[in-house]
Amino acid sequence: MKTTIWYCSALSLAMLIGCEKKEEPLPTTPLSTAAPEAAPIPAAVATPTVDLEKVSVEEQFEKEVEAEVTPANFEKQLDALEKELQAE
């Protein structure tokens, strides 16, 4: 019985020593709720200009397709388009 009490006392003492930890203070970095500042945009950067005459529009594509696709070759053209879409 004495040995059981001795073991329980030793175990309790070991638990007390093991649980006694020093708490380290948390780092005190200030939290900022403001959004970080964006880098200023240099004045030298200009938006590119687009020549609207060179940009293709739907009507131009329709004219090209009407010239290329005929009733005789539409299945061949359709197969080519499907292959092109599958490659993407």
PDB file of N, CA and C in Angstrom:
ATOM      1  N   MET A   1       0.825  -1.184   0.000  1.00  0.00           N
ATOM      2  CA  MET A   1       0.000   0.000   0.000  1.00  0.00           C
ATOM      3  C   MET A   1       0.875   1.254   0.000  1.00  0.00           C
ATOM      4  N   LYS A   2       1.984   1.188   0.737  1.00  0.00           N
ATOM      5  CA  LYS A   2       2.876   2.334   0.780  1.00  0.00           C
ATOM      6  C   LYS A   2       3.487   2.594  -0.604  1.00  0.00           C
ATOM      7  N   THR A   3       3.777   1.549  -1.333  1.00  0.00           N
ATOM      8  CA  THR A   3       4.384   1.740  -2.657  1.00  0.00           C
ATOM      9  C   THR A   3       3.379   2.369  -3.632  1.00  0.00           C
ATOM     10  N   THR A   4       2.108   2.022  -3.498  1.00  0.00           N
ATOM     11  CA  THR A   4       1.082   2.603  -4.372  1.00  0.00           C
ATOM     12  C   THR A   4       0.953   4.097  -4.096  1.00  0.00           C
ATOM     13  N   ILE A   5       0.949   4.466  -2.821  1.00  0.00           N
ATOM     14  CA  ILE A   5       0.863   5.880  -2.454  1.00  0.00           C
ATOM     15  C   ILE A   5       2.113   6.611  -2.948  1.00  0.00           C
ATOM     16  N   TRP A   6       3.266   5.944  -2.827  1.00  0.00           N
ATOM     17  CA  TRP A   6       4.513   6.540  -3.271  1.00  0.00           C
ATOM     18  C   TRP A   6       4.467   6.779  -4.782  1.00  0.00           C
ATOM     19  N   TYR A   7       3.999   5.811  -5.563  1.00  0.00           N
ATOM     20  CA  TYR A   7       3.895   5.941  -7.015  1.00  0.00           C
ATOM     21  C   TYR A   7       2.903   7.039  -7.398  1.00  0.00           C
ATOM     22  N   CYS A   8       1.772   7.094  -6.717  1.00  0.00           N
ATOM     23  CA  CYS A   8       0.778   8.130  -6.998  1.00  0.00           C
ATOM     24  C   CYS A   8       1.332   9.513  -6.675  1.00  0.00           C
ATOM     25  N   SER A   9       2.069   9.624  -5.584  1.00  0.00           N
ATOM     26  CA  SER A   9       2.671  10.911  -5.223  1.00  0.00           C
ATOM     27  C   SER A   9       3.712  11.325  -6.246  1.00  0.00           C
ATOM     28  N   ALA A  10       4.551  10.384  -6.679  1.00  0.00           N
ATOM     29  CA  ALA A  10       5.584  10.678  -7.666  1.00  0.00           C
ATOM     30  C   ALA A  10       4.950  11.077  -9.008  1.00  0.00           C
ATOM     31  N   LEU A  11       3.881  10.385  -9.383  1.00  0.00           N
ATOM     32  CA  LEU A  11       3.193  10.697 -10.620  1.00  0.00           C
ATOM     33  C   LEU A  11       2.549  12.081 -10.548  1.00  0.00           C
ATOM     34  N   SER A  12       1.928  12.398  -9.437  1.00  0.00           N
ATOM     35  CA  SER A  12       1.306  13.716  -9.264  1.00  0.00           C
ATOM     36  C   SER A  12       2.359  14.816  -9.311  1.00  0.00           C
ATOM     37  N   LEU A  13       3.489  14.594  -8.668  1.00  0.00           N
ATOM     38  CA  LEU A  13       4.573  15.566  -8.666  1.00  0.00           C
ATOM     39  C   LEU A  13       5.128  15.760 -10.084  1.00  0.00           C
ATOM     40  N   ALA A  14       5.264  14.681 -10.820  1.00  0.00           N
ATOM     41  CA  ALA A  14       5.770  14.771 -12.192  1.00  0.00           C
ATOM     42  C   ALA A  14       4.781  15.539 -13.070  1.00  0.00           C
ATOM     43  N   MET A  15       3.486  15.325 -12.857  1.00  0.00           N
ATOM     44  CA  MET A  15       2.476  16.040 -13.634  1.00  0.00           C
ATOM     45  C   MET A  15       2.504  17.526 -13.319  1.00  0.00           C
ATOM     46  N   LEU A  16       2.688  17.872 -12.044  1.00  0.00           N
ATOM     47  CA  LEU A  16       2.755  19.279 -11.670  1.00  0.00           C
ATOM     48  C   LEU A  16       3.973  19.956 -12.269  1.00  0.00           C
ATOM     49  N   ILE A  17       5.082  19.281 -12.260  1.00  0.00           N
ATOM     50  CA  ILE A  17       6.306  19.858 -12.810  1.00  0.00           C
ATOM     51  C   ILE A  17       6.191  19.974 -14.330  1.00  0.00           C
ATOM     52  N   GLY A  18       5.619  18.956 -14.961  1.00  0.00           N
ATOM     53  CA  GLY A  18       5.483  18.960 -16.414  1.00  0.00           C
ATOM     54  C   GLY A  18       4.499  20.002 -16.910  1.00  0.00           C
ATOM     55  N   CYS A  19       3.476  20.279 -16.161  1.00  0.00           N
ATOM     56  CA  CYS A  19       2.459  21.232 -16.581  1.00  0.00           C
ATOM     57  C   CYS A  19       2.825  22.678 -16.288  1.00  0.00           C
ATOM     58  N   GLU A  20       3.865  22.877 -15.536  1.00  0.00           N
ATOM     59  CA  GLU A  20       4.254  24.227 -15.163  1.00  0.00           C
ATOM     60  C   GLU A  20       5.127  24.814 -16.262  1.00  0.00           C
ATOM     61  N   LYS A  21       4.491  25.470 -17.219  1.00  0.00           N
ATOM     62  CA  LYS A  21       5.218  26.076 -18.336  1.00  0.00           C
ATOM     63  C   LYS A  21       5.145  27.586 -18.206  1.00  0.00           C
ATOM     64  N   LYS A  22       6.190  28.207 -18.673  1.00  0.00           N
ATOM     65  CA  LYS A  22       6.180  29.659 -18.707  1.00  0.00           C
ATOM     66  C   LYS A  22       5.467  30.077 -19.989  1.00  0.00           C
ATOM     67  N   GLU A  23       4.537  30.975 -19.853  1.00  0.00           N
ATOM     68  CA  GLU A  23       3.830  31.467 -21.024  1.00  0.00           C
ATOM     69  C   GLU A  23       4.641  32.575 -21.662  1.00  0.00           C
ATOM     70  N   GLU A  24       4.898  32.406 -22.953  1.00  0.00           N
ATOM     71  CA  GLU A  24       5.625  33.429 -23.677  1.00  0.00           C
ATOM     72  C   GLU A  24       4.637  34.486 -24.141  1.00  0.00           C
ATOM     73  N   PRO A  25       4.994  35.747 -23.974  1.00  0.00           N
ATOM     74  CA  PRO A  25       4.069  36.791 -24.423  1.00  0.00           C
ATOM     75  C   PRO A  25       3.942  36.764 -25.948  1.00  0.00           C
ATOM     76  N   LEU A  26       2.760  37.039 -26.424  1.00  0.00           N
ATOM     77  CA  LEU A  26       2.532  37.087 -27.858  1.00  0.00           C
ATOM     78  C   LEU A  26       3.204  38.316 -28.441  1.00  0.00           C
ATOM     79  N   PRO A  27       3.697  38.212 -29.669  1.00  0.00           N
ATOM     80  CA  PRO A  27       4.322  39.389 -30.271  1.00  0.00           C
ATOM     81  C   PRO A  27       3.290  40.501 -30.414  1.00  0.00           C
ATOM     82  N   THR A  28       3.720  41.692 -30.106  1.00  0.00           N
ATOM     83  CA  THR A  28       2.796  42.821 -30.125  1.00  0.00           C
ATOM     84  C   THR A  28       3.010  43.637 -31.391  1.00  0.00           C
ATOM     85  N   THR A  29       2.585  43.066 -32.509  1.00  0.00           N
ATOM     86  CA  THR A  29       2.646  43.815 -33.763  1.00  0.00           C
ATOM     87  C   THR A  29       1.305  44.496 -33.940  1.00  0.00           C
ATOM     88  N   PRO A  30       1.313  45.753 -34.249  1.00  0.00           N
ATOM     89  CA  PRO A  30       0.038  46.456 -34.398  1.00  0.00           C
ATOM     90  C   PRO A  30      -0.706  45.950 -35.628  1.00  0.00           C
ATOM     91  N   LEU A  31      -1.977  45.697 -35.461  1.00  0.00           N
ATOM     92  CA  LEU A  31      -2.801  45.253 -36.568  1.00  0.00           C
ATOM     93  C   LEU A  31      -3.366  46.471 -37.278  1.00  0.00           C
ATOM     94  N   SER A  32      -3.218  46.480 -38.549  1.00  0.00           N
ATOM     95  CA  SER A  32      -3.694  47.607 -39.330  1.00  0.00           C
ATOM     96  C   SER A  32      -4.960  47.200 -40.055  1.00  0.00           C
ATOM     97  N   THR A  33      -6.018  47.969 -39.879  1.00  0.00           N
ATOM     98  CA  THR A  33      -7.262  47.670 -40.573  1.00  0.00           C
ATOM     99  C   THR A  33      -7.342  48.404 -41.900  1.00  0.00           C
ATOM    100  N   ALA A  34      -6.433  49.326 -42.122  1.00  0.00           N
ATOM    101  CA  ALA A  34      -6.449  50.083 -43.372  1.00  0.00           C
ATOM    102  C   ALA A  34      -5.854  49.223 -44.481  1.00  0.00           C
ATOM    103  N   ALA A  35      -6.355  49.375 -45.673  1.00  0.00           N
ATOM    104  CA  ALA A  35      -5.843  48.641 -46.825  1.00  0.00           C
ATOM    105  C   ALA A  35      -4.469  49.185 -47.189  1.00  0.00           C
ATOM    106  N   PRO A  36      -3.583  48.320 -47.665  1.00  0.00           N
ATOM    107  CA  PRO A  36      -2.259  48.808 -48.061  1.00  0.00           C
ATOM    108  C   PRO A  36      -2.394  49.747 -49.255  1.00  0.00           C
ATOM    109  N   GLU A  37      -1.523  50.708 -49.282  1.00  0.00           N
ATOM    110  CA  GLU A  37      -1.573  51.692 -50.358  1.00  0.00           C
ATOM    111  C   GLU A  37      -1.118  51.057 -51.663  1.00  0.00           C
ATOM    112  N   ALA A  38      -1.827  51.354 -52.709  1.00  0.00           N
ATOM    113  CA  ALA A  38      -1.442  50.864 -54.022  1.00  0.00           C
ATOM    114  C   ALA A  38      -0.328  51.740 -54.571  1.00  0.00           C
ATOM    115  N   ALA A  39       0.508  51.125 -55.363  1.00  0.00           N
ATOM    116  CA  ALA A  39       1.606  51.883 -55.952  1.00  0.00           C
ATOM    117  C   ALA A  39       1.030  52.901 -56.926  1.00  0.00           C
ATOM    118  N   PRO A  40       1.549  54.092 -56.917  1.00  0.00           N
ATOM    119  CA  PRO A  40       1.026  55.108 -57.837  1.00  0.00           C
ATOM    120  C   PRO A  40       1.315  54.718 -59.289  1.00  0.00           C
ATOM    121  N   ILE A  41       0.401  55.031 -60.156  1.00  0.00           N
ATOM    122  CA  ILE A  41       0.562  54.730 -61.569  1.00  0.00           C
ATOM    123  C   ILE A  41       1.374  55.846 -62.203  1.00  0.00           C
ATOM    124  N   PRO A  42       2.471  55.493 -62.836  1.00  0.00           N
ATOM    125  CA  PRO A  42       3.290  56.532 -63.444  1.00  0.00           C
ATOM    126  C   PRO A  42       2.533  57.204 -64.586  1.00  0.00           C
ATOM    127  N   ALA A  43       2.781  58.491 -64.741  1.00  0.00           N
ATOM    128  CA  ALA A  43       2.096  59.269 -65.771  1.00  0.00           C
ATOM    129  C   ALA A  43       2.558  58.873 -67.167  1.00  0.00           C
ATOM    130  N   ALA A  44       3.732  58.269 -67.286  1.00  0.00           N
ATOM    131  CA  ALA A  44       4.271  57.922 -68.594  1.00  0.00           C
ATOM    132  C   ALA A  44       3.502  56.760 -69.230  1.00  0.00           C
ATOM    133  N   VAL A  45       2.798  55.972 -68.424  1.00  0.00           N
ATOM    134  CA  VAL A  45       2.046  54.846 -68.961  1.00  0.00           C
ATOM    135  C   VAL A  45       0.740  55.374 -69.526  1.00  0.00           C
ATOM    136  N   ALA A  46       0.586  55.234 -70.811  1.00  0.00           N
ATOM    137  CA  ALA A  46      -0.623  55.730 -71.468  1.00  0.00           C
ATOM    138  C   ALA A  46      -1.410  54.536 -71.996  1.00  0.00           C
ATOM    139  N   THR A  47      -2.679  54.708 -72.125  1.00  0.00           N
ATOM    140  CA  THR A  47      -3.490  53.637 -72.688  1.00  0.00           C
ATOM    141  C   THR A  47      -3.208  53.554 -74.176  1.00  0.00           C
ATOM    142  N   PRO A  48      -3.074  52.329 -74.690  1.00  0.00           N
ATOM    143  CA  PRO A  48      -2.759  52.198 -76.114  1.00  0.00           C
ATOM    144  C   PRO A  48      -3.943  52.644 -76.965  1.00  0.00           C
ATOM    145  N   THR A  49      -3.627  53.229 -78.082  1.00  0.00           N
ATOM    146  CA  THR A  49      -4.682  53.653 -78.990  1.00  0.00           C
ATOM    147  C   THR A  49      -4.965  52.537 -79.978  1.00  0.00           C
ATOM    148  N   VAL A  50      -6.206  52.387 -80.354  1.00  0.00           N
ATOM    149  CA  VAL A  50      -6.627  51.324 -81.249  1.00  0.00           C
ATOM    150  C   VAL A  50      -7.202  51.955 -82.509  1.00  0.00           C
ATOM    151  N   ASP A  51      -6.708  51.495 -83.636  1.00  0.00           N
ATOM    152  CA  ASP A  51      -7.237  51.965 -84.903  1.00  0.00           C
ATOM    153  C   ASP A  51      -8.479  51.134 -85.219  1.00  0.00           C
ATOM    154  N   LEU A  52      -9.631  51.735 -85.067  1.00  0.00           N
ATOM    155  CA  LEU A  52     -10.888  51.008 -85.227  1.00  0.00           C
ATOM    156  C   LEU A  52     -11.115  50.542 -86.659  1.00  0.00           C
ATOM    157  N   GLU A  53     -10.445  51.133 -87.608  1.00  0.00           N
ATOM    158  CA  GLU A  53     -10.607  50.705 -89.004  1.00  0.00           C
ATOM    159  C   GLU A  53      -9.967  49.333 -89.235  1.00  0.00           C
ATOM    160  N   LYS A  54      -8.949  48.993 -88.428  1.00  0.00           N
ATOM    161  CA  LYS A  54      -8.253  47.716 -88.607  1.00  0.00           C
ATOM    162  C   LYS A  54      -8.887  46.581 -87.809  1.00  0.00           C
ATOM    163  N   VAL A  55      -9.786  46.893 -86.902  1.00  0.00           N
ATOM    164  CA  VAL A  55     -10.419  45.865 -86.087  1.00  0.00           C
ATOM    165  C   VAL A  55     -11.539  45.222 -86.896  1.00  0.00           C
ATOM    166  N   SER A  56     -11.496  43.887 -86.969  1.00  0.00           N
ATOM    167  CA  SER A  56     -12.516  43.171 -87.729  1.00  0.00           C
ATOM    168  C   SER A  56     -13.818  43.151 -86.956  1.00  0.00           C
ATOM    169  N   VAL A  57     -14.898  43.254 -87.683  1.00  0.00           N
ATOM    170  CA  VAL A  57     -16.219  43.210 -87.074  1.00  0.00           C
ATOM    171  C   VAL A  57     -16.987  42.022 -87.641  1.00  0.00           C
ATOM    172  N   GLU A  58     -18.112  41.733 -87.034  1.00  0.00           N
ATOM    173  CA  GLU A  58     -18.881  40.551 -87.392  1.00  0.00           C
ATOM    174  C   GLU A  58     -19.251  40.531 -88.874  1.00  0.00           C
ATOM    175  N   GLU A  59     -19.617  41.671 -89.432  1.00  0.00           N
ATOM    176  CA  GLU A  59     -20.035  41.725 -90.833  1.00  0.00           C
ATOM    177  C   GLU A  59     -18.895  41.300 -91.761  1.00  0.00           C
ATOM    178  N   GLN A  60     -17.661  41.683 -91.417  1.00  0.00           N
ATOM    179  CA  GLN A  60     -16.518  41.293 -92.238  1.00  0.00           C
ATOM    180  C   GLN A  60     -16.309  39.788 -92.196  1.00  0.00           C
ATOM    181  N   PHE A  61     -16.476  39.167 -91.025  1.00  0.00           N
ATOM    182  CA  PHE A  61     -16.325  37.727 -90.915  1.00  0.00           C
ATOM    183  C   PHE A  61     -17.417  37.012 -91.700  1.00  0.00           C
ATOM    184  N   GLU A  62     -18.622  37.547 -91.643  1.00  0.00           N
ATOM    185  CA  GLU A  62     -19.718  36.920 -92.388  1.00  0.00           C
ATOM    186  C   GLU A  62     -19.441  36.932 -93.881  1.00  0.00           C
ATOM    187  N   LYS A  63     -18.901  38.020 -94.390  1.00  0.00           N
ATOM    188  CA  LYS A  63     -18.580  38.097 -95.820  1.00  0.00           C
ATOM    189  C   LYS A  63     -17.523  37.075 -96.196  1.00  0.00           C
ATOM    190  N   GLU A  64     -16.502  36.925 -95.337  1.00  0.00           N
ATOM    191  CA  GLU A  64     -15.446  35.944 -95.603  1.00  0.00           C
ATOM    192  C   GLU A  64     -16.008  34.531 -95.617  1.00  0.00           C
ATOM    193  N   VAL A  65     -16.868  34.215 -94.648  1.00  0.00           N
ATOM    194  CA  VAL A  65     -17.422  32.868 -94.549  1.00  0.00           C
ATOM    195  C   VAL A  65     -18.331  32.575 -95.736  1.00  0.00           C
ATOM    196  N   GLU A  66     -19.117  33.540 -96.141  1.00  0.00           N
ATOM    197  CA  GLU A  66     -19.997  33.335 -97.297  1.00  0.00           C
ATOM    198  C   GLU A  66     -19.190  33.027 -98.552  1.00  0.00           C
ATOM    199  N   ALA A  67     -18.003  33.615 -98.665  1.00  0.00           N
ATOM    200  CA  ALA A  67     -17.165  33.353 -99.824  1.00  0.00           C
ATOM    201  C   ALA A  67     -16.465  31.997 -99.729  1.00  0.00           C
ATOM    202  N   GLU A  68     -16.072  31.578 -98.512  1.00  0.00           N
ATOM    203  CA  GLU A  68     -15.318  30.333 -98.331  1.00  0.00           C
ATOM    204  C   GLU A  68     -16.210  29.101 -98.260  1.00  0.00           C
ATOM    205  N   VAL A  69     -17.336  29.198 -97.596  1.00  0.00           N
ATOM    206  CA  VAL A  69     -18.185  28.030 -97.367  1.00  0.00           C
ATOM    207  C   VAL A  69     -19.287  28.008 -98.419  1.00  0.00           C
ATOM    208  N   THR A  70     -19.328  26.903 -99.104  1.00  0.00           N
ATOM    209  CA  THR A  70     -20.365  26.710-100.130  1.00  0.00           C
ATOM    210  C   THR A  70     -21.161  25.460 -99.768  1.00  0.00           C
ATOM    211  N   PRO A  71     -22.317  25.247-100.376  1.00  0.00           N
ATOM    212  CA  PRO A  71     -23.080  24.024-100.090  1.00  0.00           C
ATOM    213  C   PRO A  71     -22.293  22.756-100.398  1.00  0.00           C
ATOM    214  N   ALA A  72     -21.355  22.831-101.295  1.00  0.00           N
ATOM    215  CA  ALA A  72     -20.581  21.642-101.658  1.00  0.00           C
ATOM    216  C   ALA A  72     -19.525  21.297-100.603  1.00  0.00           C
ATOM    217  N   ASN A  73     -18.979  22.315 -99.890  1.00  0.00           N
ATOM    218  CA  ASN A  73     -17.887  22.029 -98.948  1.00  0.00           C
ATOM    219  C   ASN A  73     -18.224  22.359 -97.488  1.00  0.00           C
ATOM    220  N   PHE A  74     -19.499  22.566 -97.180  1.00  0.00           N
ATOM    221  CA  PHE A  74     -19.805  22.990 -95.804  1.00  0.00           C
ATOM    222  C   PHE A  74     -19.497  21.908 -94.780  1.00  0.00           C
ATOM    223  N   GLU A  75     -19.669  20.607 -95.154  1.00  0.00           N
ATOM    224  CA  GLU A  75     -19.371  19.525 -94.200  1.00  0.00           C
ATOM    225  C   GLU A  75     -17.872  19.473 -93.894  1.00  0.00           C
ATOM    226  N   LYS A  76     -17.061  19.687 -94.918  1.00  0.00           N
ATOM    227  CA  LYS A  76     -15.606  19.705 -94.723  1.00  0.00           C
ATOM    228  C   LYS A  76     -15.208  20.875 -93.818  1.00  0.00           C
ATOM    229  N   GLN A  77     -15.797  22.040 -94.052  1.00  0.00           N
ATOM    230  CA  GLN A  77     -15.511  23.214 -93.225  1.00  0.00           C
ATOM    231  C   GLN A  77     -15.986  22.997 -91.785  1.00  0.00           C
ATOM    232  N   LEU A  78     -17.139  22.357 -91.617  1.00  0.00           N
ATOM    233  CA  LEU A  78     -17.668  22.073 -90.290  1.00  0.00           C
ATOM    234  C   LEU A  78     -16.757  21.124 -89.531  1.00  0.00           C
ATOM    235  N   ASP A  79     -16.261  20.088 -90.202  1.00  0.00           N
ATOM    236  CA  ASP A  79     -15.321  19.158 -89.572  1.00  0.00           C
ATOM    237  C   ASP A  79     -14.043  19.873 -89.148  1.00  0.00           C
ATOM    238  N   ALA A  80     -13.559  20.783 -89.969  1.00  0.00           N
ATOM    239  CA  ALA A  80     -12.346  21.534 -89.628  1.00  0.00           C
ATOM    240  C   ALA A  80     -12.576  22.400 -88.399  1.00  0.00           C
ATOM    241  N   LEU A  81     -13.751  23.023 -88.323  1.00  0.00           N
ATOM    242  CA  LEU A  81     -14.062  23.844 -87.146  1.00  0.00           C
ATOM    243  C   LEU A  81     -14.173  22.990 -85.884  1.00  0.00           C
ATOM    244  N   GLU A  82     -14.788  21.829 -86.002  1.00  0.00           N
ATOM    245  CA  GLU A  82     -14.911  20.943 -84.830  1.00  0.00           C
ATOM    246  C   GLU A  82     -13.545  20.469 -84.356  1.00  0.00           C
ATOM    247  N   LYS A  83     -12.635  20.134 -85.283  1.00  0.00           N
ATOM    248  CA  LYS A  83     -11.289  19.732 -84.902  1.00  0.00           C
ATOM    249  C   LYS A  83     -10.558  20.875 -84.207  1.00  0.00           C
ATOM    250  N   GLU A  84     -10.769  22.087 -84.713  1.00  0.00           N
ATOM    251  CA  GLU A  84     -10.117  23.257 -84.119  1.00  0.00           C
ATOM    252  C   GLU A  84     -10.626  23.491 -82.691  1.00  0.00           C
ATOM    253  N   LEU A  85     -11.916  23.310 -82.486  1.00  0.00           N
ATOM    254  CA  LEU A  85     -12.471  23.483 -81.139  1.00  0.00           C
ATOM    255  C   LEU A  85     -12.021  22.389 -80.192  1.00  0.00           C
ATOM    256  N   GLN A  86     -11.885  21.178 -80.683  1.00  0.00           N
ATOM    257  CA  GLN A  86     -11.418  20.066 -79.834  1.00  0.00           C
ATOM    258  C   GLN A  86      -9.957  20.251 -79.437  1.00  0.00           C
ATOM    259  N   ALA A  87      -9.174  20.871 -80.282  1.00  0.00           N
ATOM    260  CA  ALA A  87      -7.761  21.108 -79.976  1.00  0.00           C
ATOM    261  C   ALA A  87      -7.612  22.097 -78.832  1.00  0.00           C
ATOM    262  N   GLU A  88      -8.568  22.983 -78.680  1.00  0.00           N
ATOM    263  CA  GLU A  88      -8.483  23.977 -77.605  1.00  0.00           C
ATOM    264  C   GLU A  88      -8.874  23.306 -76.346  1.00  0.00           C
TER     265      GLU A  88
END
